[in-house]
Protein backbone atom coordinates (compact mmCIF):
# COMPACT_ATOMS: atom_id res chain seq x y z
CA MET A 1 94.38 36.65 111.45
CA ILE A 2 95.29 39.98 112.62
CA SER A 3 98.47 42.29 111.99
CA PRO A 4 98.14 45.36 114.52
CA GLY A 5 101.86 46.81 113.43
CA LEU A 6 102.74 50.07 113.41
CA TYR A 7 105.63 49.74 111.15
CA GLU A 8 106.43 46.75 108.91
CA SER A 9 109.37 46.24 106.41
CA ASN A 10 107.39 43.31 105.11
CA CYS A 11 104.04 41.65 105.40
CA LEU A 12 105.24 38.19 105.31
CA PRO A 13 102.71 37.43 108.14
CA VAL A 14 99.67 38.79 105.75
CA LEU A 15 100.83 36.89 102.95
CA GLU A 16 101.24 33.24 105.33
CA ALA A 17 97.70 34.05 106.67
CA ALA A 18 96.12 34.61 102.91
CA ALA A 19 97.98 31.55 101.50
CA ALA A 20 96.46 29.82 104.72
CA GLY A 21 93.01 30.52 104.23
CA THR A 22 92.55 33.28 106.37
CA ALA A 23 90.72 36.47 106.80
CA VAL A 24 93.24 38.87 107.66
CA ILE A 25 92.54 42.24 109.72
CA ALA A 26 95.68 44.34 109.15
CA SER A 27 96.88 47.95 110.33
CA ARG A 28 96.64 50.53 107.36
CA ILE A 29 100.42 50.89 106.67
CA PRO A 30 102.17 51.26 103.24
CA PRO A 31 102.93 47.51 103.32
CA ASN A 32 99.71 46.52 103.90
CA GLU A 33 97.96 48.91 102.11
CA GLU A 34 99.89 47.89 99.06
CA LEU A 35 99.05 44.27 99.42
CA ALA A 36 95.31 45.43 99.52
CA GLN A 37 95.78 46.12 96.28
CA THR A 38 95.49 42.72 95.51
CA LEU A 39 94.45 40.96 98.26
CA ARG A 40 90.81 41.80 99.99
CA LEU A 41 92.14 42.74 103.26
CA ASN A 42 90.50 44.51 106.31
CA LEU A 43 92.52 47.86 107.14
CA PHE A 44 92.28 49.82 110.09
CA ASP A 45 93.72 52.43 111.66
CA PRO A 46 96.66 51.66 114.01
CA LEU A 47 96.17 54.15 116.56
CA ASN A 48 92.23 53.88 116.61
CA GLN A 49 90.66 51.01 118.98
CA ARG A 50 87.46 51.32 118.01
CA ASP A 51 88.60 50.76 114.21
CA LEU A 52 90.20 47.50 115.05
CA ALA A 53 86.81 46.88 117.13
CA GLU A 54 84.51 47.57 114.32
CA ARG A 55 86.68 45.30 111.66
CA LEU A 56 86.35 42.09 114.45
CA LEU A 57 83.02 42.50 115.09
CA TRP A 58 81.87 43.31 111.30
CA LEU A 59 84.08 39.69 110.31
CA TRP A 60 82.48 38.19 113.42
CA ARG A 61 79.04 38.80 112.20
CA ASN A 62 79.15 38.27 108.22
CA PRO A 63 81.31 34.56 108.37
CA ASP A 64 80.14 34.47 104.74
CA ALA A 65 82.03 37.19 104.07
CA CYS A 66 85.04 36.05 106.12
CA ARG A 67 84.87 33.05 104.00
CA GLU A 68 84.55 34.70 100.81
CA GLN A 69 87.59 36.98 101.52
CA ALA A 70 89.45 34.01 102.98
CA SER A 71 89.04 31.92 99.38
CA PHE A 72 89.71 34.75 97.33
CA ASN A 73 93.10 35.66 99.06
CA ARG A 74 94.44 31.79 98.70
CA GLU A 75 93.81 31.99 95.36
CA ALA A 76 95.44 35.52 94.85
CA VAL A 77 98.26 35.33 96.91
CA ALA A 78 99.74 32.83 94.07
CA ARG A 79 100.76 35.95 92.33
CA PHE A 80 103.65 36.45 94.77
CA SER A 81 105.37 33.22 94.23
CA TRP A 82 108.84 33.26 93.82
CA GLU A 83 108.64 32.39 90.30
CA ASN A 84 106.25 34.95 89.24
CA SER A 85 108.86 37.52 91.33
CA ALA A 86 111.76 36.48 89.24
CA ARG A 87 109.55 36.35 86.17
CA GLN A 88 108.96 40.23 86.95
CA TYR A 89 112.18 40.90 87.76
CA LEU A 90 113.39 40.12 84.43
CA ARG A 91 111.26 41.48 82.60
CA VAL A 92 112.12 44.85 84.27
CA MET A 93 115.99 44.36 83.84
CA GLU A 94 115.36 43.29 79.82
CA GLN A 95 113.13 46.97 79.92
CA MET A 96 116.31 48.87 81.40
CA LEU A 97 119.21 47.09 79.06
CA ALA A 98 116.72 47.21 75.83
CA PRO A 99 118.50 50.15 74.76
CA ALA A 100 122.10 49.27 75.23
CA LEU A 101 121.23 45.49 73.63
CA ARG A 102 120.05 47.28 70.58
CA LEU A 103 123.53 49.39 70.49
CA GLN A 104 125.49 46.14 71.14
CA SER A 105 123.77 44.23 68.23
CA ASN A 106 124.39 47.38 65.65
CA PRO A 107 127.85 49.07 66.21
CA ASP A 108 127.83 50.96 63.44
CA ARG A 109 124.53 52.77 64.87
CA ALA A 110 126.36 53.69 68.42
CA CYS A 111 129.58 54.92 66.41
CA HIS A 112 127.24 57.48 64.05
CA ALA A 113 126.01 58.52 67.60
CA THR A 114 129.34 59.96 68.88
CA PRO A 115 131.34 62.61 67.40
CA SER A 116 134.84 60.61 67.98
CA CYS A 117 133.69 57.72 65.16
């Protein structure tokens, strides 16, 4: 799968290709660079045709590497499930709210922290 975009707000086509077990060649832009921290992507400079051609030829000439990337990505893409995303969101919210929840569970502590009490 080739994703040659200069500007993308999300990488759903890249994730879908990874889930389908397809090797991915994608432009080196921030959303794809972020995904490349988890997935094995073949990133290229989107303004450099030669760079894209080299990625294509490399995968064509290295079918074992292509299969290995596809297999790895098929498993790694599971980290992007809605359930996992919700779990991570909940963890962040709990960390943000923890100080307020501690004060709420101990109102005397909150009162001593302000001069008006």
